[in-house]
Amino acid sequence: MKNLFIAIAAASVLASGAAVAQNVSIVDQFGAGNGQLTVQSGANFSYTGQLGVLNGSMTGQNGTDNASATVQDGTLNGSITTQAGHFNGSLTEQFGTGHSSDTNQYGLGNQSLTIQTDGVPHP
């Protein structure tokens, strides 16, 4: 249920990107030692939500109508999202421990979805 709620919220965040007339960045952090950096130029939307300990996220946007959402729940997760151009959309979700993501979008209308969760441990 929690994942479904987060996915619906993130999808609505991405859908709202076209209505943005300036840069908007929203950050929610709960826990300890989480870090986040957003750099925007143009007219873009970014959301970062972190719940847990020692999660890190960087988002860079240059252009117009780019939308990015990053949600991290756990410990020691890291995410980098770079968007340059127009109408790019990115959603990154990481649940668990030690996940890493690097998403780069250049051009027009690129879309990405990255979901990482802890699975069955490997021997």
N, C-alpha and C. Protein backbone atom coordinates (compact mmCIF):
# COMPACT_ATOMS: atom_id res chain seq x y z
N MET A 1 0.83 -1.19 0.00
CA MET A 1 0.00 0.00 0.00
C MET A 1 0.86 1.25 0.00
N LYS A 2 1.93 1.21 0.80
CA LYS A 2 2.83 2.36 0.88
C LYS A 2 3.46 2.66 -0.47
N ASN A 3 3.93 1.59 -1.17
CA ASN A 3 4.53 1.80 -2.49
C ASN A 3 3.53 2.33 -3.48
N LEU A 4 2.30 1.87 -3.43
CA LEU A 4 1.27 2.35 -4.34
C LEU A 4 1.00 3.83 -4.10
N PHE A 5 0.92 4.24 -2.82
CA PHE A 5 0.70 5.65 -2.51
C PHE A 5 1.84 6.51 -3.04
N ILE A 6 3.06 6.07 -2.83
CA ILE A 6 4.22 6.84 -3.28
C ILE A 6 4.24 6.91 -4.80
N ALA A 7 3.93 5.80 -5.48
CA ALA A 7 3.92 5.81 -6.94
C ALA A 7 2.86 6.76 -7.49
N ILE A 8 1.68 6.78 -6.87
CA ILE A 8 0.62 7.69 -7.30
C ILE A 8 1.01 9.14 -7.06
N ALA A 9 1.59 9.42 -5.90
CA ALA A 9 2.02 10.79 -5.60
C ALA A 9 3.11 11.24 -6.56
N ALA A 10 4.06 10.37 -6.85
CA ALA A 10 5.15 10.73 -7.76
C ALA A 10 4.64 10.93 -9.18
N ALA A 11 3.69 10.10 -9.61
CA ALA A 11 3.11 10.26 -10.95
C ALA A 11 2.40 11.60 -11.08
N SER A 12 1.70 12.01 -10.03
CA SER A 12 1.03 13.31 -10.10
C SER A 12 2.02 14.45 -10.10
N VAL A 13 3.16 14.26 -9.41
CA VAL A 13 4.22 15.26 -9.44
C VAL A 13 4.76 15.41 -10.85
N LEU A 14 5.02 14.28 -11.52
CA LEU A 14 5.54 14.33 -12.88
C LEU A 14 4.54 14.94 -13.85
N ALA A 15 3.27 14.63 -13.67
CA ALA A 15 2.24 15.16 -14.56
C ALA A 15 2.09 16.67 -14.41
N SER A 16 2.42 17.20 -13.25
CA SER A 16 2.25 18.63 -13.02
C SER A 16 3.37 19.46 -13.63
N GLY A 17 4.41 18.83 -14.16
CA GLY A 17 5.56 19.55 -14.68
C GLY A 17 5.23 20.51 -15.80
N ALA A 18 4.28 20.18 -16.65
CA ALA A 18 3.97 21.03 -17.80
C ALA A 18 3.35 22.35 -17.38
N ALA A 19 2.79 22.40 -16.17
CA ALA A 19 2.12 23.62 -15.73
C ALA A 19 3.06 24.59 -15.02
N VAL A 20 4.30 24.20 -14.84
CA VAL A 20 5.25 25.01 -14.10
C VAL A 20 5.76 26.16 -14.97
N ALA A 21 5.71 27.40 -14.46
CA ALA A 21 6.20 28.56 -15.20
C ALA A 21 7.53 29.05 -14.66
N GLN A 22 8.03 28.42 -13.63
CA GLN A 22 9.30 28.77 -13.03
C GLN A 22 9.87 27.52 -12.40
N ASN A 23 11.05 27.62 -11.83
CA ASN A 23 11.62 26.46 -11.15
C ASN A 23 10.95 26.26 -9.80
N VAL A 24 10.64 25.00 -9.51
CA VAL A 24 10.05 24.63 -8.22
C VAL A 24 10.78 23.40 -7.71
N SER A 25 11.22 23.45 -6.46
CA SER A 25 11.87 22.31 -5.84
C SER A 25 11.24 22.09 -4.47
N ILE A 26 10.79 20.86 -4.23
CA ILE A 26 10.18 20.49 -2.95
C ILE A 26 11.02 19.35 -2.36
N VAL A 27 11.40 19.50 -1.10
CA VAL A 27 12.21 18.48 -0.42
C VAL A 27 11.57 18.14 0.92
N ASP A 28 11.34 16.85 1.15
CA ASP A 28 10.87 16.34 2.44
C ASP A 28 11.90 15.35 2.95
N GLN A 29 12.41 15.55 4.15
CA GLN A 29 13.38 14.64 4.73
C GLN A 29 12.99 14.29 6.16
N PHE A 30 13.02 12.99 6.47
CA PHE A 30 12.71 12.50 7.80
C PHE A 30 13.76 11.46 8.16
N GLY A 31 14.36 11.58 9.32
CA GLY A 31 15.39 10.65 9.74
C GLY A 31 16.62 11.39 10.21
N ALA A 32 17.80 10.86 9.86
CA ALA A 32 19.05 11.48 10.31
C ALA A 32 20.10 11.41 9.21
N GLY A 33 20.83 12.51 9.03
CA GLY A 33 21.97 12.53 8.13
C GLY A 33 21.66 12.46 6.66
N ASN A 34 20.44 12.76 6.24
CA ASN A 34 20.10 12.77 4.82
C ASN A 34 20.60 14.06 4.19
N GLY A 35 21.00 14.00 2.91
CA GLY A 35 21.48 15.18 2.21
C GLY A 35 20.85 15.30 0.84
N GLN A 36 20.68 16.53 0.39
CA GLN A 36 20.02 16.75 -0.90
C GLN A 36 20.50 18.06 -1.51
N LEU A 37 20.71 18.07 -2.84
CA LEU A 37 21.10 19.27 -3.57
C LEU A 37 20.29 19.33 -4.86
N THR A 38 19.67 20.47 -5.12
CA THR A 38 18.96 20.70 -6.38
C THR A 38 19.51 21.98 -7.02
N VAL A 39 19.84 21.90 -8.32
CA VAL A 39 20.27 23.05 -9.10
C VAL A 39 19.37 23.11 -10.33
N GLN A 40 18.68 24.25 -10.51
CA GLN A 40 17.73 24.38 -11.61
C GLN A 40 17.98 25.66 -12.40
N SER A 41 17.81 25.56 -13.72
CA SER A 41 17.87 26.72 -14.60
C SER A 41 16.79 26.56 -15.65
N GLY A 42 15.92 27.54 -15.79
CA GLY A 42 14.83 27.46 -16.75
C GLY A 42 13.50 27.46 -16.04
N ALA A 43 12.66 26.48 -16.35
CA ALA A 43 11.35 26.34 -15.72
C ALA A 43 11.09 24.85 -15.53
N ASN A 44 11.41 24.32 -14.35
CA ASN A 44 11.38 22.89 -14.09
C ASN A 44 10.76 22.59 -12.74
N PHE A 45 10.47 21.29 -12.50
CA PHE A 45 9.90 20.85 -11.23
C PHE A 45 10.71 19.68 -10.70
N SER A 46 11.01 19.71 -9.39
CA SER A 46 11.73 18.64 -8.75
C SER A 46 11.14 18.34 -7.39
N TYR A 47 10.98 17.03 -7.08
CA TYR A 47 10.55 16.60 -5.75
C TYR A 47 11.53 15.56 -5.24
N THR A 48 11.96 15.70 -3.99
CA THR A 48 12.80 14.70 -3.33
C THR A 48 12.20 14.39 -1.97
N GLY A 49 11.96 13.11 -1.71
CA GLY A 49 11.48 12.65 -0.41
C GLY A 49 12.43 11.59 0.13
N GLN A 50 12.94 11.81 1.33
CA GLN A 50 13.86 10.86 1.94
C GLN A 50 13.40 10.51 3.34
N LEU A 51 13.33 9.21 3.61
CA LEU A 51 12.95 8.70 4.91
C LEU A 51 14.00 7.68 5.32
N GLY A 52 14.69 7.93 6.39
CA GLY A 52 15.71 6.99 6.83
C GLY A 52 16.97 7.68 7.27
N VAL A 53 18.11 7.02 7.02
CA VAL A 53 19.39 7.49 7.53
C VAL A 53 20.44 7.49 6.41
N LEU A 54 21.15 8.60 6.30
CA LEU A 54 22.30 8.74 5.40
C LEU A 54 21.96 8.51 3.93
N ASN A 55 20.80 8.95 3.49
CA ASN A 55 20.45 8.93 2.07
C ASN A 55 20.95 10.23 1.44
N GLY A 56 21.36 10.18 0.17
CA GLY A 56 21.83 11.36 -0.53
C GLY A 56 21.22 11.46 -1.91
N SER A 57 20.91 12.67 -2.33
CA SER A 57 20.30 12.87 -3.64
C SER A 57 20.77 14.19 -4.25
N MET A 58 21.06 14.16 -5.56
CA MET A 58 21.38 15.38 -6.30
C MET A 58 20.51 15.41 -7.56
N THR A 59 19.93 16.58 -7.84
CA THR A 59 19.12 16.78 -9.05
C THR A 59 19.60 18.04 -9.75
N GLY A 60 19.88 17.93 -11.04
CA GLY A 60 20.26 19.08 -11.86
C GLY A 60 19.32 19.17 -13.06
N GLN A 61 18.74 20.34 -13.26
CA GLN A 61 17.81 20.53 -14.37
C GLN A 61 18.13 21.82 -15.12
N ASN A 62 18.19 21.72 -16.45
CA ASN A 62 18.43 22.87 -17.30
C ASN A 62 17.50 22.76 -18.50
N GLY A 63 16.65 23.75 -18.70
CA GLY A 63 15.69 23.73 -19.80
C GLY A 63 14.32 24.11 -19.30
N THR A 64 13.29 23.57 -19.95
CA THR A 64 11.92 23.89 -19.54
C THR A 64 11.07 22.63 -19.47
N ASP A 65 10.15 22.67 -18.54
CA ASP A 65 9.15 21.62 -18.36
C ASP A 65 9.74 20.24 -18.11
N ASN A 66 10.93 20.18 -17.50
CA ASN A 66 11.46 18.92 -17.02
C ASN A 66 10.87 18.65 -15.64
N ALA A 67 10.61 17.38 -15.35
CA ALA A 67 10.05 17.00 -14.04
C ALA A 67 10.82 15.81 -13.50
N SER A 68 11.18 15.88 -12.23
CA SER A 68 11.94 14.82 -11.60
C SER A 68 11.37 14.55 -10.21
N ALA A 69 11.23 13.27 -9.87
CA ALA A 69 10.83 12.88 -8.51
C ALA A 69 11.76 11.76 -8.04
N THR A 70 12.28 11.94 -6.82
CA THR A 70 13.15 10.93 -6.21
C THR A 70 12.60 10.62 -4.82
N VAL A 71 12.38 9.33 -4.55
CA VAL A 71 11.89 8.89 -3.24
C VAL A 71 12.85 7.81 -2.74
N GLN A 72 13.40 8.02 -1.54
CA GLN A 72 14.31 7.06 -0.94
C GLN A 72 13.85 6.74 0.48
N ASP A 73 13.70 5.45 0.77
CA ASP A 73 13.26 5.00 2.07
C ASP A 73 14.20 3.90 2.53
N GLY A 74 15.05 4.21 3.49
CA GLY A 74 16.01 3.22 3.96
C GLY A 74 17.28 3.85 4.43
N THR A 75 18.40 3.19 4.14
CA THR A 75 19.71 3.61 4.63
C THR A 75 20.75 3.56 3.53
N LEU A 76 21.57 4.60 3.45
CA LEU A 76 22.72 4.65 2.54
C LEU A 76 22.34 4.50 1.06
N ASN A 77 21.21 5.07 0.66
CA ASN A 77 20.84 5.10 -0.75
C ASN A 77 21.37 6.39 -1.38
N GLY A 78 21.74 6.33 -2.66
CA GLY A 78 22.24 7.51 -3.36
C GLY A 78 21.62 7.64 -4.74
N SER A 79 21.30 8.86 -5.12
CA SER A 79 20.67 9.07 -6.41
C SER A 79 21.16 10.37 -7.04
N ILE A 80 21.44 10.32 -8.36
CA ILE A 80 21.77 11.50 -9.14
C ILE A 80 20.85 11.52 -10.35
N THR A 81 20.19 12.65 -10.59
CA THR A 81 19.35 12.83 -11.77
C THR A 81 19.77 14.10 -12.47
N THR A 82 20.05 14.00 -13.78
CA THR A 82 20.42 15.16 -14.60
C THR A 82 19.47 15.24 -15.79
N GLN A 83 18.88 16.41 -15.99
CA GLN A 83 17.98 16.63 -17.12
C GLN A 83 18.38 17.92 -17.83
N ALA A 84 18.60 17.84 -19.14
CA ALA A 84 18.90 19.02 -19.94
C ALA A 84 18.06 18.94 -21.21
N GLY A 85 17.24 19.93 -21.43
CA GLY A 85 16.36 19.93 -22.59
C GLY A 85 14.96 20.33 -22.17
N HIS A 86 13.99 19.65 -22.77
CA HIS A 86 12.60 20.03 -22.55
C HIS A 86 11.70 18.80 -22.43
N PHE A 87 10.74 18.87 -21.53
CA PHE A 87 9.69 17.85 -21.36
C PHE A 87 10.24 16.47 -21.01
N ASN A 88 11.35 16.42 -20.28
CA ASN A 88 11.87 15.15 -19.79
C ASN A 88 11.22 14.82 -18.45
N GLY A 89 11.00 13.53 -18.19
CA GLY A 89 10.40 13.11 -16.93
C GLY A 89 11.16 11.94 -16.34
N SER A 90 11.41 12.00 -15.03
CA SER A 90 12.16 10.95 -14.37
C SER A 90 11.57 10.67 -12.99
N LEU A 91 11.42 9.38 -12.69
CA LEU A 91 10.97 8.94 -11.37
C LEU A 91 11.95 7.88 -10.87
N THR A 92 12.55 8.11 -9.70
CA THR A 92 13.46 7.15 -9.08
C THR A 92 12.94 6.83 -7.69
N GLU A 93 12.76 5.53 -7.42
CA GLU A 93 12.32 5.06 -6.10
C GLU A 93 13.32 4.02 -5.61
N GLN A 94 13.83 4.21 -4.39
CA GLN A 94 14.76 3.26 -3.79
C GLN A 94 14.31 2.93 -2.37
N PHE A 95 14.14 1.64 -2.12
CA PHE A 95 13.66 1.17 -0.82
C PHE A 95 14.63 0.12 -0.30
N GLY A 96 15.20 0.36 0.87
CA GLY A 96 16.12 -0.61 1.45
C GLY A 96 17.46 0.01 1.76
N THR A 97 18.53 -0.75 1.51
CA THR A 97 19.86 -0.33 1.92
C THR A 97 20.86 -0.38 0.77
N GLY A 98 21.62 0.71 0.61
CA GLY A 98 22.77 0.72 -0.27
C GLY A 98 22.51 0.76 -1.76
N HIS A 99 21.36 1.26 -2.18
CA HIS A 99 21.08 1.34 -3.61
C HIS A 99 21.70 2.61 -4.20
N SER A 100 22.06 2.55 -5.48
CA SER A 100 22.65 3.68 -6.17
C SER A 100 22.02 3.84 -7.54
N SER A 101 21.74 5.08 -7.93
CA SER A 101 21.11 5.35 -9.22
C SER A 101 21.69 6.61 -9.84
N ASP A 102 21.92 6.57 -11.17
CA ASP A 102 22.41 7.72 -11.92
C ASP A 102 21.61 7.80 -13.21
N THR A 103 20.74 8.79 -13.33
CA THR A 103 19.87 8.96 -14.50
C THR A 103 20.25 10.25 -15.20
N ASN A 104 20.49 10.14 -16.51
CA ASN A 104 20.84 11.31 -17.32
C ASN A 104 19.91 11.39 -18.52
N GLN A 105 19.27 12.53 -18.70
CA GLN A 105 18.37 12.73 -19.82
C GLN A 105 18.76 14.01 -20.55
N TYR A 106 19.00 13.89 -21.84
CA TYR A 106 19.37 15.04 -22.66
C TYR A 106 18.48 15.04 -23.91
N GLY A 107 17.83 16.17 -24.17
CA GLY A 107 17.01 16.26 -25.37
C GLY A 107 15.56 16.57 -25.05
N LEU A 108 14.67 15.95 -25.79
CA LEU A 108 13.25 16.29 -25.75
C LEU A 108 12.39 15.06 -25.46
N GLY A 109 11.59 15.13 -24.40
CA GLY A 109 10.58 14.11 -24.15
C GLY A 109 11.07 12.76 -23.67
N ASN A 110 12.23 12.68 -23.07
CA ASN A 110 12.71 11.42 -22.53
C ASN A 110 11.96 11.09 -21.24
N GLN A 111 11.71 9.81 -21.00
CA GLN A 111 11.02 9.37 -19.79
C GLN A 111 11.80 8.22 -19.17
N SER A 112 11.90 8.21 -17.83
CA SER A 112 12.57 7.09 -17.17
C SER A 112 11.86 6.74 -15.86
N LEU A 113 11.95 5.46 -15.51
CA LEU A 113 11.41 4.95 -14.26
C LEU A 113 12.44 3.96 -13.70
N THR A 114 12.93 4.24 -12.49
CA THR A 114 13.88 3.35 -11.82
C THR A 114 13.31 3.00 -10.46
N ILE A 115 13.16 1.70 -10.20
CA ILE A 115 12.68 1.23 -8.90
C ILE A 115 13.67 0.18 -8.40
N GLN A 116 14.21 0.41 -7.19
CA GLN A 116 15.14 -0.53 -6.59
C GLN A 116 14.69 -0.87 -5.19
N THR A 117 14.61 -2.18 -4.89
CA THR A 117 14.23 -2.63 -3.55
C THR A 117 15.17 -3.76 -3.13
N ASP A 118 15.24 -3.97 -1.84
CA ASP A 118 16.00 -5.11 -1.34
C ASP A 118 15.25 -6.37 -1.74
N GLY A 119 15.98 -7.33 -2.27
CA GLY A 119 15.37 -8.59 -2.69
C GLY A 119 15.92 -9.72 -1.86
N VAL A 120 15.91 -10.87 -2.46
CA VAL A 120 16.45 -12.05 -1.82
C VAL A 120 17.97 -11.92 -1.74
N PRO A 121 18.56 -12.08 -0.57
CA PRO A 121 20.02 -11.95 -0.46
C PRO A 121 20.74 -12.98 -1.32
N HIS A 122 21.84 -12.56 -1.91
CA HIS A 122 22.67 -13.48 -2.70
C HIS A 122 23.73 -14.08 -1.82
N PRO A 123 24.07 -15.33 -2.06
CA PRO A 123 25.11 -15.99 -1.23
C PRO A 123 26.46 -15.38 -1.43
